[in-house]
PDB file of all heavy atoms in Angstrom:
ATOM      1  N   VAL A   1      73.109 -50.873-100.055  1.00  0.00           N
ATOM      2  CA  VAL A   1      73.347 -51.271-101.447  1.00  0.00           C
ATOM      3  C   VAL A   1      74.501 -50.453-102.034  1.00  0.00           C
ATOM      4  O   VAL A   1      75.362 -50.986-102.743  1.00  0.00           O
ATOM      5  CB  VAL A   1      72.071 -51.100-102.303  1.00  0.00           C
ATOM      6  CG1 VAL A   1      72.351 -51.423-103.771  1.00  0.00           C
ATOM      7  CG2 VAL A   1      70.956 -51.999-101.778  1.00  0.00           C
ATOM      8  N   GLU A   2      74.533 -49.164-101.728  1.00  0.00           N
ATOM      9  CA  GLU A   2      75.621 -48.307-102.214  1.00  0.00           C
ATOM     10  C   GLU A   2      76.982 -48.810-101.729  1.00  0.00           C
ATOM     11  O   GLU A   2      77.951 -48.876-102.499  1.00  0.00           O
ATOM     12  CB  GLU A   2      75.391 -46.865-101.753  1.00  0.00           C
ATOM     13  CG  GLU A   2      74.229 -46.190-102.443  1.00  0.00           C
ATOM     14  CD  GLU A   2      73.762 -44.936-101.731  1.00  0.00           C
ATOM     15  OE1 GLU A   2      74.371 -44.556-100.705  1.00  0.00           O
ATOM     16  OE2 GLU A   2      72.773 -44.336-102.195  1.00  0.00           O
ATOM     17  N   ASN A   3      77.046 -49.170-100.452  1.00  0.00           N
ATOM     18  CA  ASN A   3      78.307 -49.665 -99.909  1.00  0.00           C
ATOM     19  C   ASN A   3      78.751 -50.948-100.610  1.00  0.00           C
ATOM     20  O   ASN A   3      79.947 -51.141-100.875  1.00  0.00           O
ATOM     21  CB  ASN A   3      78.180 -49.907 -98.400  1.00  0.00           C
ATOM     22  CG  ASN A   3      78.065 -48.620 -97.610  1.00  0.00           C
ATOM     23  OD1 ASN A   3      78.502 -47.562 -98.062  1.00  0.00           O
ATOM     24  ND2 ASN A   3      77.468 -48.696 -96.434  1.00  0.00           N
ATOM     25  N   LYS A   4      77.781 -51.816-100.908  1.00  0.00           N
ATOM     26  CA  LYS A   4      78.121 -53.054-101.617  1.00  0.00           C
ATOM     27  C   LYS A   4      78.599 -52.745-103.037  1.00  0.00           C
ATOM     28  O   LYS A   4      79.600 -53.308-103.501  1.00  0.00           O
ATOM     29  CB  LYS A   4      76.916 -53.986-101.656  1.00  0.00           C
ATOM     30  CG  LYS A   4      76.453 -54.492-100.313  1.00  0.00           C
ATOM     31  CD  LYS A   4      77.529 -55.291 -99.597  1.00  0.00           C
ATOM     32  CE  LYS A   4      77.848 -56.611-100.265  1.00  0.00           C
ATOM     33  NZ  LYS A   4      78.817 -57.420 -99.483  1.00  0.00           N
ATOM     34  N   LEU A   5      77.890 -51.868-103.737  1.00  0.00           N
ATOM     35  CA  LEU A   5      78.274 -51.539-105.110  1.00  0.00           C
ATOM     36  C   LEU A   5      79.660 -50.911-105.159  1.00  0.00           C
ATOM     37  O   LEU A   5      80.431 -51.159-106.095  1.00  0.00           O
ATOM     38  CB  LEU A   5      77.249 -50.585-105.738  1.00  0.00           C
ATOM     39  CG  LEU A   5      75.840 -51.128-105.961  1.00  0.00           C
ATOM     40  CD1 LEU A   5      74.942 -50.038-106.548  1.00  0.00           C
ATOM     41  CD2 LEU A   5      75.848 -52.342-106.871  1.00  0.00           C
ATOM     42  N   GLU A   6      79.978 -50.112-104.164  1.00  0.00           N
ATOM     43  CA  GLU A   6      81.275 -49.438-104.140  1.00  0.00           C
ATOM     44  C   GLU A   6      82.432 -50.388-103.819  1.00  0.00           C
ATOM     45  O   GLU A   6      83.597 -50.001-103.914  1.00  0.00           O
ATOM     46  CB  GLU A   6      81.225 -48.272-103.147  1.00  0.00           C
ATOM     47  CG  GLU A   6      80.372 -47.121-103.668  1.00  0.00           C
ATOM     48  CD  GLU A   6      80.026 -46.086-102.612  1.00  0.00           C
ATOM     49  OE1 GLU A   6      80.511 -46.238-101.462  1.00  0.00           O
ATOM     50  OE2 GLU A   6      79.272 -45.150-102.917  1.00  0.00           O
ATOM     51  N   GLU A   7      82.096 -51.633-103.470  1.00  0.00           N
ATOM     52  CA  GLU A   7      83.131 -52.661-103.318  1.00  0.00           C
ATOM     53  C   GLU A   7      83.556 -53.213-104.677  1.00  0.00           C
ATOM     54  O   GLU A   7      84.603 -53.858-104.782  1.00  0.00           O
ATOM     55  CB  GLU A   7      82.616 -53.812-102.446  1.00  0.00           C
ATOM     56  CG  GLU A   7      82.370 -53.424-100.990  1.00  0.00           C
ATOM     57  CD  GLU A   7      81.780 -54.566-100.191  1.00  0.00           C
ATOM     58  OE1 GLU A   7      81.661 -55.692-100.747  1.00  0.00           O
ATOM     59  OE2 GLU A   7      81.424 -54.346 -99.017  1.00  0.00           O
ATOM     60  N   SER A   8      82.757 -52.952-105.706  1.00  0.00           N
ATOM     61  CA  SER A   8      83.086 -53.423-107.051  1.00  0.00           C
ATOM     62  C   SER A   8      84.268 -52.634-107.614  1.00  0.00           C
ATOM     63  O   SER A   8      84.395 -51.431-107.368  1.00  0.00           O
ATOM     64  CB  SER A   8      81.871 -53.266-107.973  1.00  0.00           C
ATOM     65  OG  SER A   8      82.245 -53.414-109.331  1.00  0.00           O
ATOM     66  N   GLN A   9      85.097 -53.302-108.379  1.00  0.00           N
ATOM     67  CA  GLN A   9      86.233 -52.617-108.995  1.00  0.00           C
ATOM     68  C   GLN A   9      85.795 -51.646-110.078  1.00  0.00           C
ATOM     69  O   GLN A   9      86.590 -50.822-110.539  1.00  0.00           O
ATOM     70  CB  GLN A   9      87.183 -53.655-109.618  1.00  0.00           C
ATOM     71  CG  GLN A   9      86.545 -54.465-110.747  1.00  0.00           C
ATOM     72  CD  GLN A   9      87.550 -55.384-111.426  1.00  0.00           C
ATOM     73  OE1 GLN A   9      88.662 -54.985-111.731  1.00  0.00           O
ATOM     74  NE2 GLN A   9      87.135 -56.627-111.650  1.00  0.00           N
ATOM     75  N   TRP A  10      84.529 -51.696-110.479  1.00  0.00           N
ATOM     76  CA  TRP A  10      84.036 -50.855-111.566  1.00  0.00           C
ATOM     77  C   TRP A  10      83.376 -49.579-111.071  1.00  0.00           C
ATOM     78  O   TRP A  10      83.006 -48.728-111.876  1.00  0.00           O
ATOM     79  CB  TRP A  10      83.046 -51.639-112.434  1.00  0.00           C
ATOM     80  CG  TRP A  10      83.522 -52.998-112.817  1.00  0.00           C
ATOM     81  CD1 TRP A  10      82.982 -54.198-112.457  1.00  0.00           C
ATOM     82  CD2 TRP A  10      84.662 -53.315-113.631  1.00  0.00           C
ATOM     83  NE1 TRP A  10      83.704 -55.235-112.979  1.00  0.00           N
ATOM     84  CE2 TRP A  10      84.742 -54.725-113.715  1.00  0.00           C
ATOM     85  CE3 TRP A  10      85.632 -52.545-114.295  1.00  0.00           C
ATOM     86  CZ2 TRP A  10      85.746 -55.370-114.433  1.00  0.00           C
ATOM     87  CZ3 TRP A  10      86.626 -53.197-115.006  1.00  0.00           C
ATOM     88  CH2 TRP A  10      86.679 -54.582-115.077  1.00  0.00           C
ATOM     89  N   VAL A  11      83.198 -49.446-109.759  1.00  0.00           N
ATOM     90  CA  VAL A  11      82.427 -48.331-109.197  1.00  0.00           C
ATOM     91  C   VAL A  11      83.269 -47.543-108.200  1.00  0.00           C
ATOM     92  O   VAL A  11      83.856 -48.122-107.284  1.00  0.00           O
ATOM     93  CB  VAL A  11      81.146 -48.844-108.510  1.00  0.00           C
ATOM     94  CG1 VAL A  11      80.385 -47.700-107.868  1.00  0.00           C
ATOM     95  CG2 VAL A  11      80.266 -49.587-109.510  1.00  0.00           C
ATOM     96  N   THR A  12      83.310 -46.228-108.385  1.00  0.00           N
ATOM     97  CA  THR A  12      83.939 -45.352-107.395  1.00  0.00           C
ATOM     98  C   THR A  12      82.914 -44.885-106.373  1.00  0.00           C
ATOM     99  O   THR A  12      83.141 -44.952-105.162  1.00  0.00           O
ATOM    100  CB  THR A  12      84.576 -44.125-108.076  1.00  0.00           C
ATOM    101  OG1 THR A  12      85.628 -44.569-108.937  1.00  0.00           O
ATOM    102  CG2 THR A  12      85.169 -43.174-107.042  1.00  0.00           C
ATOM    103  N   GLN A  13      81.763 -44.396-106.859  1.00  0.00           N
ATOM    104  CA  GLN A  13      80.688 -43.952-105.971  1.00  0.00           C
ATOM    105  C   GLN A  13      79.354 -44.358-106.572  1.00  0.00           C
ATOM    106  O   GLN A  13      79.203 -44.461-107.807  1.00  0.00           O
ATOM    107  CB  GLN A  13      80.737 -42.433-105.783  1.00  0.00           C
ATOM    108  CG  GLN A  13      81.938 -41.948-104.988  1.00  0.00           C
ATOM    109  CD  GLN A  13      82.076 -40.438-105.019  1.00  0.00           C
ATOM    110  OE1 GLN A  13      82.163 -39.842-106.087  1.00  0.00           O
ATOM    111  NE2 GLN A  13      82.098 -39.816-103.849  1.00  0.00           N
ATOM    112  N   ALA A  14      78.371 -44.569-105.691  1.00  0.00           N
ATOM    113  CA  ALA A  14      77.033 -44.962-106.133  1.00  0.00           C
ATOM    114  C   ALA A  14      75.987 -44.229-105.305  1.00  0.00           C
ATOM    115  O   ALA A  14      76.173 -44.016-104.096  1.00  0.00           O
ATOM    116  CB  ALA A  14      76.841 -46.470-106.008  1.00  0.00           C
ATOM    117  N   PHE A  15      74.908 -43.852-105.969  1.00  0.00           N
ATOM    118  CA  PHE A  15      73.764 -43.227-105.298  1.00  0.00           C
ATOM    119  C   PHE A  15      72.519 -43.980-105.746  1.00  0.00           C
ATOM    120  O   PHE A  15      72.153 -43.966-106.922  1.00  0.00           O
ATOM    121  CB  PHE A  15      73.662 -41.753-105.665  1.00  0.00           C
ATOM    122  CG  PHE A  15      72.418 -41.073-105.158  1.00  0.00           C
ATOM    123  CD1 PHE A  15      72.097 -41.096-103.814  1.00  0.00           C
ATOM    124  CD2 PHE A  15      71.572 -40.401-106.034  1.00  0.00           C
ATOM    125  CE1 PHE A  15      70.942 -40.478-103.335  1.00  0.00           C
ATOM    126  CE2 PHE A  15      70.424 -39.772-105.578  1.00  0.00           C
ATOM    127  CZ  PHE A  15      70.115 -39.816-104.222  1.00  0.00           C
ATOM    128  N   VAL A  16      71.889 -44.683-104.801  1.00  0.00           N
ATOM    129  CA  VAL A  16      70.770 -45.578-105.107  1.00  0.00           C
ATOM    130  C   VAL A  16      69.456 -44.938-104.694  1.00  0.00           C
ATOM    131  O   VAL A  16      69.364 -44.300-103.642  1.00  0.00           O
ATOM    132  CB  VAL A  16      70.960 -46.934-104.392  1.00  0.00           C
ATOM    133  CG1 VAL A  16      69.728 -47.818-104.535  1.00  0.00           C
ATOM    134  CG2 VAL A  16      72.191 -47.655-104.953  1.00  0.00           C
ATOM    135  N   PHE A  17      68.431 -45.128-105.509  1.00  0.00           N
ATOM    136  CA  PHE A  17      67.110 -44.564-105.230  1.00  0.00           C
ATOM    137  C   PHE A  17      66.040 -45.498-105.793  1.00  0.00           C
ATOM    138  O   PHE A  17      66.335 -46.423-106.572  1.00  0.00           O
ATOM    139  CB  PHE A  17      66.967 -43.165-105.864  1.00  0.00           C
ATOM    140  CG  PHE A  17      67.354 -43.137-107.321  1.00  0.00           C
ATOM    141  CD1 PHE A  17      66.433 -43.432-108.304  1.00  0.00           C
ATOM    142  CD2 PHE A  17      68.657 -42.836-107.699  1.00  0.00           C
ATOM    143  CE1 PHE A  17      66.797 -43.430-109.649  1.00  0.00           C
ATOM    144  CE2 PHE A  17      69.033 -42.826-109.030  1.00  0.00           C
ATOM    145  CZ  PHE A  17      68.095 -43.129-110.007  1.00  0.00           C
ATOM    146  N   GLY A  18      64.801 -45.275-105.414  1.00  0.00           N
ATOM    147  CA  GLY A  18      63.703 -46.104-105.902  1.00  0.00           C
ATOM    148  C   GLY A  18      62.361 -45.499-105.537  1.00  0.00           C
ATOM    149  O   GLY A  18      62.292 -44.496-104.835  1.00  0.00           O
ATOM    150  N   LYS A  19      61.287 -46.152-106.029  1.00  0.00           N
ATOM    151  CA  LYS A  19      59.920 -45.690-105.757  1.00  0.00           C
ATOM    152  C   LYS A  19      59.040 -46.884-105.439  1.00  0.00           C
ATOM    153  O   LYS A  19      59.328 -48.013-105.849  1.00  0.00           O
ATOM    154  CB  LYS A  19      59.353 -44.929-106.961  1.00  0.00           C
ATOM    155  CG  LYS A  19      59.991 -43.575-107.199  1.00  0.00           C
ATOM    156  CD  LYS A  19      59.265 -42.804-108.293  1.00  0.00           C
ATOM    157  CE  LYS A  19      57.883 -42.357-107.847  1.00  0.00           C
ATOM    158  NZ  LYS A  19      57.217 -41.503-108.860  1.00  0.00           N
ATOM    159  N   SER A  20      57.952 -46.619-104.752  1.00  0.00           N
ATOM    160  CA  SER A  20      57.035 -47.693-104.364  1.00  0.00           C
ATOM    161  C   SER A  20      56.257 -48.248-105.550  1.00  0.00           C
ATOM    162  O   SER A  20      55.557 -49.249-105.418  1.00  0.00           O
ATOM    163  CB  SER A  20      56.045 -47.175-103.311  1.00  0.00           C
ATOM    164  OG  SER A  20      55.280 -46.095-103.840  1.00  0.00           O
ATOM    165  N   THR A  21      56.361 -47.609-106.710  1.00  0.00           N
ATOM    166  CA  THR A  21      55.654 -48.069-107.907  1.00  0.00           C
ATOM    167  C   THR A  21      56.573 -48.831-108.855  1.00  0.00           C
ATOM    168  O   THR A  21      56.199 -49.124-109.980  1.00  0.00           O
ATOM    169  CB  THR A  21      55.042 -46.868-108.644  1.00  0.00           C
ATOM    170  OG1 THR A  21      56.041 -45.853-108.808  1.00  0.00           O
ATOM    171  CG2 THR A  21      53.877 -46.286-107.861  1.00  0.00           C
ATOM    172  N   ALA A  22      57.779 -49.158-108.397  1.00  0.00           N
ATOM    173  CA  ALA A  22      58.728 -49.926-109.209  1.00  0.00           C
ATOM    174  C   ALA A  22      59.269 -51.081-108.371  1.00  0.00           C
ATOM    175  O   ALA A  22      59.321 -50.998-107.145  1.00  0.00           O
ATOM    176  CB  ALA A  22      59.869 -49.043-109.695  1.00  0.00           C
ATOM    177  N   ARG A  23      59.675 -52.150-109.004  1.00  0.00           N
ATOM    178  CA  ARG A  23      60.147 -53.318-108.253  1.00  0.00           C
ATOM    179  C   ARG A  23      61.669 -53.399-108.167  1.00  0.00           C
ATOM    180  O   ARG A  23      62.188 -54.305-107.531  1.00  0.00           O
ATOM    181  CB  ARG A  23      59.613 -54.608-108.881  1.00  0.00           C
ATOM    182  CG  ARG A  23      60.084 -54.881-110.293  1.00  0.00           C
ATOM    183  CD  ARG A  23      59.562 -56.214-110.770  1.00  0.00           C
ATOM    184  NE  ARG A  23      59.977 -56.493-112.142  1.00  0.00           N
ATOM    185  CZ  ARG A  23      59.695 -57.619-112.781  1.00  0.00           C
ATOM    186  NH1 ARG A  23      59.001 -58.562-112.172  1.00  0.00           N
ATOM    187  NH2 ARG A  23      60.095 -57.799-114.019  1.00  0.00           N
ATOM    188  N   ASN A  24      62.376 -52.496-108.836  1.00  0.00           N
ATOM    189  CA  ASN A  24      63.831 -52.458-108.778  1.00  0.00           C
ATOM    190  C   ASN A  24      64.305 -51.055-108.435  1.00  0.00           C
ATOM    191  O   ASN A  24      63.575 -50.084-108.637  1.00  0.00           O
ATOM    192  CB  ASN A  24      64.459 -52.870-110.108  1.00  0.00           C
ATOM    193  CG  ASN A  24      64.124 -54.285-110.511  1.00  0.00           C
ATOM    194  OD1 ASN A  24      63.148 -54.524-111.208  1.00  0.00           O
ATOM    195  ND2 ASN A  24      64.927 -55.231-110.068  1.00  0.00           N
ATOM    196  N   VAL A  25      65.530 -50.965-107.948  1.00  0.00           N
ATOM    197  CA  VAL A  25      66.117 -49.662-107.705  1.00  0.00           C
ATOM    198  C   VAL A  25      66.848 -49.176-108.953  1.00  0.00           C
ATOM    199  O   VAL A  25      67.152 -49.946-109.866  1.00  0.00           O
ATOM    200  CB  VAL A  25      67.109 -49.720-106.524  1.00  0.00           C
ATOM    201  CG1 VAL A  25      66.391 -50.072-105.243  1.00  0.00           C
ATOM    202  CG2 VAL A  25      68.252 -50.700-106.805  1.00  0.00           C
ATOM    203  N   GLY A  26      67.116 -47.872-108.990  1.00  0.00           N
ATOM    204  CA  GLY A  26      67.978 -47.281-110.000  1.00  0.00           C
ATOM    205  C   GLY A  26      69.191 -46.705-109.296  1.00  0.00           C
ATOM    206  O   GLY A  26      69.240 -46.654-108.059  1.00  0.00           O
ATOM    207  N   ALA A  27      70.167 -46.251-110.075  1.00  0.00           N
ATOM    208  CA  ALA A  27      71.379 -45.734-109.440  1.00  0.00           C
ATOM    209  C   ALA A  27      72.089 -44.738-110.339  1.00  0.00           C
ATOM    210  O   ALA A  27      72.040 -44.844-111.568  1.00  0.00           O
ATOM    211  CB  ALA A  27      72.334 -46.878-109.081  1.00  0.00           C
ATOM    212  N   VAL A  28      72.731 -43.762-109.694  1.00  0.00           N
ATOM    213  CA  VAL A  28      73.706 -42.899-110.356  1.00  0.00           C
ATOM    214  C   VAL A  28      75.070 -43.461-109.982  1.00  0.00           C
ATOM    215  O   VAL A  28      75.368 -43.643-108.803  1.00  0.00           O
ATOM    216  CB  VAL A  28      73.590 -41.437-109.904  1.00  0.00           C
ATOM    217  CG1 VAL A  28      74.692 -40.596-110.537  1.00  0.00           C
ATOM    218  CG2 VAL A  28      72.215 -40.870-110.262  1.00  0.00           C
ATOM    219  N   ILE A  29      75.875 -43.756-110.985  1.00  0.00           N
ATOM    220  CA  ILE A  29      77.159 -44.402-110.760  1.00  0.00           C
ATOM    221  C   ILE A  29      78.297 -43.512-111.249  1.00  0.00           C
ATOM    222  O   ILE A  29      78.253 -42.992-112.371  1.00  0.00           O
ATOM    223  CB  ILE A  29      77.241 -45.754-111.500  1.00  0.00           C
ATOM    224  CG1 ILE A  29      76.137 -46.710-111.023  1.00  0.00           C
ATOM    225  CG2 ILE A  29      78.623 -46.383-111.352  1.00  0.00           C
ATOM    226  CD1 ILE A  29      76.294 -47.183-109.609  1.00  0.00           C
ATOM    227  N   VAL A  30      79.303 -43.347-110.404  1.00  0.00           N
ATOM    228  CA  VAL A  30      80.562 -42.723-110.833  1.00  0.00           C
ATOM    229  C   VAL A  30      81.513 -43.868-111.158  1.00  0.00           C
ATOM    230  O   VAL A  30      81.957 -44.579-110.246  1.00  0.00           O
ATOM    231  CB  VAL A  30      81.169 -41.829-109.739  1.00  0.00           C
ATOM    232  CG1 VAL A  30      82.487 -41.223-110.222  1.00  0.00           C
ATOM    233  CG2 VAL A  30      80.185 -40.727-109.348  1.00  0.00           C
ATOM    234  N   PRO A  31      81.812 -44.112-112.437  1.00  0.00           N
ATOM    235  CA  PRO A  31      82.655 -45.253-112.802  1.00  0.00           C
ATOM    236  C   PRO A  31      84.079 -45.102-112.267  1.00  0.00           C
ATOM    237  O   PRO A  31      84.589 -43.990-112.098  1.00  0.00           O
ATOM    238  CB  PRO A  31      82.651 -45.225-114.338  1.00  0.00           C
ATOM    239  CG  PRO A  31      81.465 -44.397-114.717  1.00  0.00           C
ATOM    240  CD  PRO A  31      81.323 -43.390-113.621  1.00  0.00           C
ATOM    241  N   SER A  32      84.710 -46.229-112.026  1.00  0.00           N
ATOM    242  CA  SER A  32      86.093 -46.231-111.551  1.00  0.00           C
ATOM    243  C   SER A  32      87.055 -46.064-112.729  1.00  0.00           C
ATOM    244  O   SER A  32      86.687 -46.284-113.886  1.00  0.00           O
ATOM    245  CB  SER A  32      86.395 -47.558-110.847  1.00  0.00           C
ATOM    246  OG  SER A  32      86.396 -48.618-111.797  1.00  0.00           O
ATOM    247  N   PRO A  33      88.292 -45.671-112.460  1.00  0.00           N
ATOM    248  CA  PRO A  33      89.293 -45.599-113.535  1.00  0.00           C
ATOM    249  C   PRO A  33      89.462 -46.930-114.262  1.00  0.00           C
ATOM    250  O   PRO A  33      89.702 -46.958-115.473  1.00  0.00           O
ATOM    251  CB  PRO A  33      90.572 -45.205-112.785  1.00  0.00           C
ATOM    252  CG  PRO A  33      90.083 -44.452-111.582  1.00  0.00           C
ATOM    253  CD  PRO A  33      88.819 -45.144-111.187  1.00  0.00           C
ATOM    254  N   ALA A  34      89.314 -48.051-113.530  1.00  0.00           N
ATOM    255  CA  ALA A  34      89.432 -49.368-114.172  1.00  0.00           C
ATOM    256  C   ALA A  34      88.342 -49.564-115.216  1.00  0.00           C
ATOM    257  O   ALA A  34      88.590 -50.117-116.298  1.00  0.00           O
ATOM    258  CB  ALA A  34      89.368 -50.467-113.110  1.00  0.00           C
ATOM    259  N   PHE A  35      87.128 -49.103-114.899  1.00  0.00           N
ATOM    260  CA  PHE A  35      86.028 -49.234-115.861  1.00  0.00           C
ATOM    261  C   PHE A  35      86.279 -48.362-117.088  1.00  0.00           C
ATOM    262  O   PHE A  35      86.058 -48.782-118.231  1.00  0.00           O
ATOM    263  CB  PHE A  35      84.707 -48.844-115.203  1.00  0.00           C
ATOM    264  CG  PHE A  35      83.522 -48.949-116.114  1.00  0.00           C
ATOM    265  CD1 PHE A  35      82.906 -50.160-116.335  1.00  0.00           C
ATOM    266  CD2 PHE A  35      83.028 -47.821-116.769  1.00  0.00           C
ATOM    267  CE1 PHE A  35      81.807 -50.262-117.185  1.00  0.00           C
ATOM    268  CE2 PHE A  35      81.945 -47.913-117.621  1.00  0.00           C
ATOM    269  CZ  PHE A  35      81.329 -49.141-117.822  1.00  0.00           C
ATOM    270  N   MET A  36      86.736 -47.145-116.865  1.00  0.00           N
ATOM    271  CA  MET A  36      86.995 -46.245-117.979  1.00  0.00           C
ATOM    272  C   MET A  36      88.117 -46.770-118.862  1.00  0.00           C
ATOM    273  O   MET A  36      88.072 -46.643-120.091  1.00  0.00           O
ATOM    274  CB  MET A  36      87.340 -44.845-117.452  1.00  0.00           C
ATOM    275  CG  MET A  36      86.209 -44.191-116.671  1.00  0.00           C
ATOM    276  SD  MET A  36      84.637 -44.182-117.568  1.00  0.00           S
ATOM    277  CE  MET A  36      85.083 -43.248-119.025  1.00  0.00           C
ATOM    278  N   GLU A  37      89.112 -47.384-118.256  1.00  0.00           N
ATOM    279  CA  GLU A  37      90.209 -47.964-119.030  1.00  0.00           C
ATOM    280  C   GLU A  37      89.698 -49.133-119.860  1.00  0.00           C
ATOM    281  O   GLU A  37      90.082 -49.306-121.021  1.00  0.00           O
ATOM    282  CB  GLU A  37      91.308 -48.431-118.085  1.00  0.00           C
ATOM    283  CG  GLU A  37      92.529 -48.989-118.803  1.00  0.00           C
ATOM    284  CD  GLU A  37      93.622 -49.396-117.835  1.00  0.00           C
ATOM    285  OE1 GLU A  37      93.509 -49.066-116.636  1.00  0.00           O
ATOM    286  OE2 GLU A  37      94.582 -50.041-118.286  1.00  0.00           O
ATOM    287  N   LEU A  38      88.817 -49.924-119.254  1.00  0.00           N
ATOM    288  CA  LEU A  38      88.222 -51.052-119.969  1.00  0.00           C
ATOM    289  C   LEU A  38      87.460 -50.594-121.201  1.00  0.00           C
ATOM    290  O   LEU A  38      87.514 -51.214-122.261  1.00  0.00           O
ATOM    291  CB  LEU A  38      87.279 -51.819-119.025  1.00  0.00           C
ATOM    292  CG  LEU A  38      86.441 -52.940-119.643  1.00  0.00           C
ATOM    293  CD1 LEU A  38      87.334 -54.099-120.050  1.00  0.00           C
ATOM    294  CD2 LEU A  38      85.370 -53.406-118.663  1.00  0.00           C
ATOM    295  N   MET A  39      86.747 -49.477-121.053  1.00  0.00           N
ATOM    296  CA  MET A  39      85.887 -49.004-122.135  1.00  0.00           C
ATOM    297  C   MET A  39      86.597 -48.109-123.140  1.00  0.00           C
ATOM    298  O   MET A  39      86.057 -47.841-124.210  1.00  0.00           O
ATOM    299  CB  MET A  39      84.701 -48.224-121.545  1.00  0.00           C
ATOM    300  CG  MET A  39      83.598 -49.121-121.010  1.00  0.00           C
ATOM    301  SD  MET A  39      82.976 -50.284-122.243  1.00  0.00           S
ATOM    302  CE  MET A  39      82.343 -49.181-123.496  1.00  0.00           C
ATOM    303  N   GLU A  40      87.782 -47.660-122.827  1.00  0.00           N
ATOM    304  CA  GLU A  40      88.451 -46.685-123.692  1.00  0.00           C
ATOM    305  C   GLU A  40      88.589 -47.191-125.124  1.00  0.00           C
ATOM    306  O   GLU A  40      88.239 -46.500-126.086  1.00  0.00           O
ATOM    307  CB  GLU A  40      89.828 -46.341-123.123  1.00  0.00           C
ATOM    308  CG  GLU A  40      90.528 -45.239-123.889  1.00  0.00           C
ATOM    309  CD  GLU A  40      91.843 -44.843-123.250  1.00  0.00           C
ATOM    310  OE1 GLU A  40      92.129 -45.322-122.135  1.00  0.00           O
ATOM    311  OE2 GLU A  40      92.579 -44.063-123.861  1.00  0.00           O
ATOM    312  N   GLY A  41      89.090 -48.413-125.267  1.00  0.00           N
ATOM    313  CA  GLY A  41      89.261 -48.975-126.601  1.00  0.00           C
ATOM    314  C   GLY A  41      87.938 -49.208-127.303  1.00  0.00           C
ATOM    315  O   GLY A  41      87.811 -48.977-128.509  1.00  0.00           O
ATOM    316  N   ARG A  42      86.924 -49.655-126.560  1.00  0.00           N
ATOM    317  CA  ARG A  42      85.622 -49.949-127.162  1.00  0.00           C
ATOM    318  C   ARG A  42      84.955 -48.675-127.674  1.00  0.00           C
ATOM    319  O   ARG A  42      84.394 -48.655-128.766  1.00  0.00           O
ATOM    320  CB  ARG A  42      84.713 -50.638-126.143  1.00  0.00           C
ATOM    321  CG  ARG A  42      85.264 -51.959-125.653  1.00  0.00           C
ATOM    322  CD  ARG A  42      84.216 -52.722-124.897  1.00  0.00           C
ATOM    323  NE  ARG A  42      84.772 -53.907-124.263  1.00  0.00           N
ATOM    324  CZ  ARG A  42      84.040 -54.838-123.666  1.00  0.00           C
ATOM    325  NH1 ARG A  42      82.725 -54.705-123.636  1.00  0.00           N
ATOM    326  NH2 ARG A  42      84.612 -55.877-123.108  1.00  0.00           N
ATOM    327  N   VAL A  43      85.010 -47.628-126.870  1.00  0.00           N
ATOM    328  CA  VAL A  43      84.385 -46.366-127.289  1.00  0.00           C
ATOM    329  C   VAL A  43      85.081 -45.814-128.516  1.00  0.00           C
ATOM    330  O   VAL A  43      84.436 -45.315-129.447  1.00  0.00           O
ATOM    331  CB  VAL A  43      84.424 -45.344-126.137  1.00  0.00           C
ATOM    332  CG1 VAL A  43      83.981 -43.974-126.626  1.00  0.00           C
ATOM    333  CG2 VAL A  43      83.534 -45.810-124.993  1.00  0.00           C
ATOM    334  N   ALA A  44      86.410 -45.928-128.556  1.00  0.00           N
ATOM    335  CA  ALA A  44      87.147 -45.442-129.724  1.00  0.00           C
ATOM    336  C   ALA A  44      86.715 -46.207-130.973  1.00  0.00           C
ATOM    337  O   ALA A  44      86.522 -45.623-132.043  1.00  0.00           O
ATOM    338  CB  ALA A  44      88.648 -45.601-129.492  1.00  0.00           C
ATOM    339  N   GLY A  45      86.539 -47.518-130.830  1.00  0.00           N
ATOM    340  CA  GLY A  45      86.097 -48.318-131.971  1.00  0.00           C
ATOM    341  C   GLY A  45      84.698 -47.944-132.431  1.00  0.00           C
ATOM    342  O   GLY A  45      84.416 -47.879-133.627  1.00  0.00           O
TER     343      GLY A  45
END
């Protein structure tokens, strides 16, 4: 899953984890420069 997520233009690195008591995984994501550029204007607003 990490390898697939890291193919996204929005993700530089991903760390995926989960538990047997949940039905979905969670992730720690290092956003890509493209994502940060996308959000720069929005965060300023």
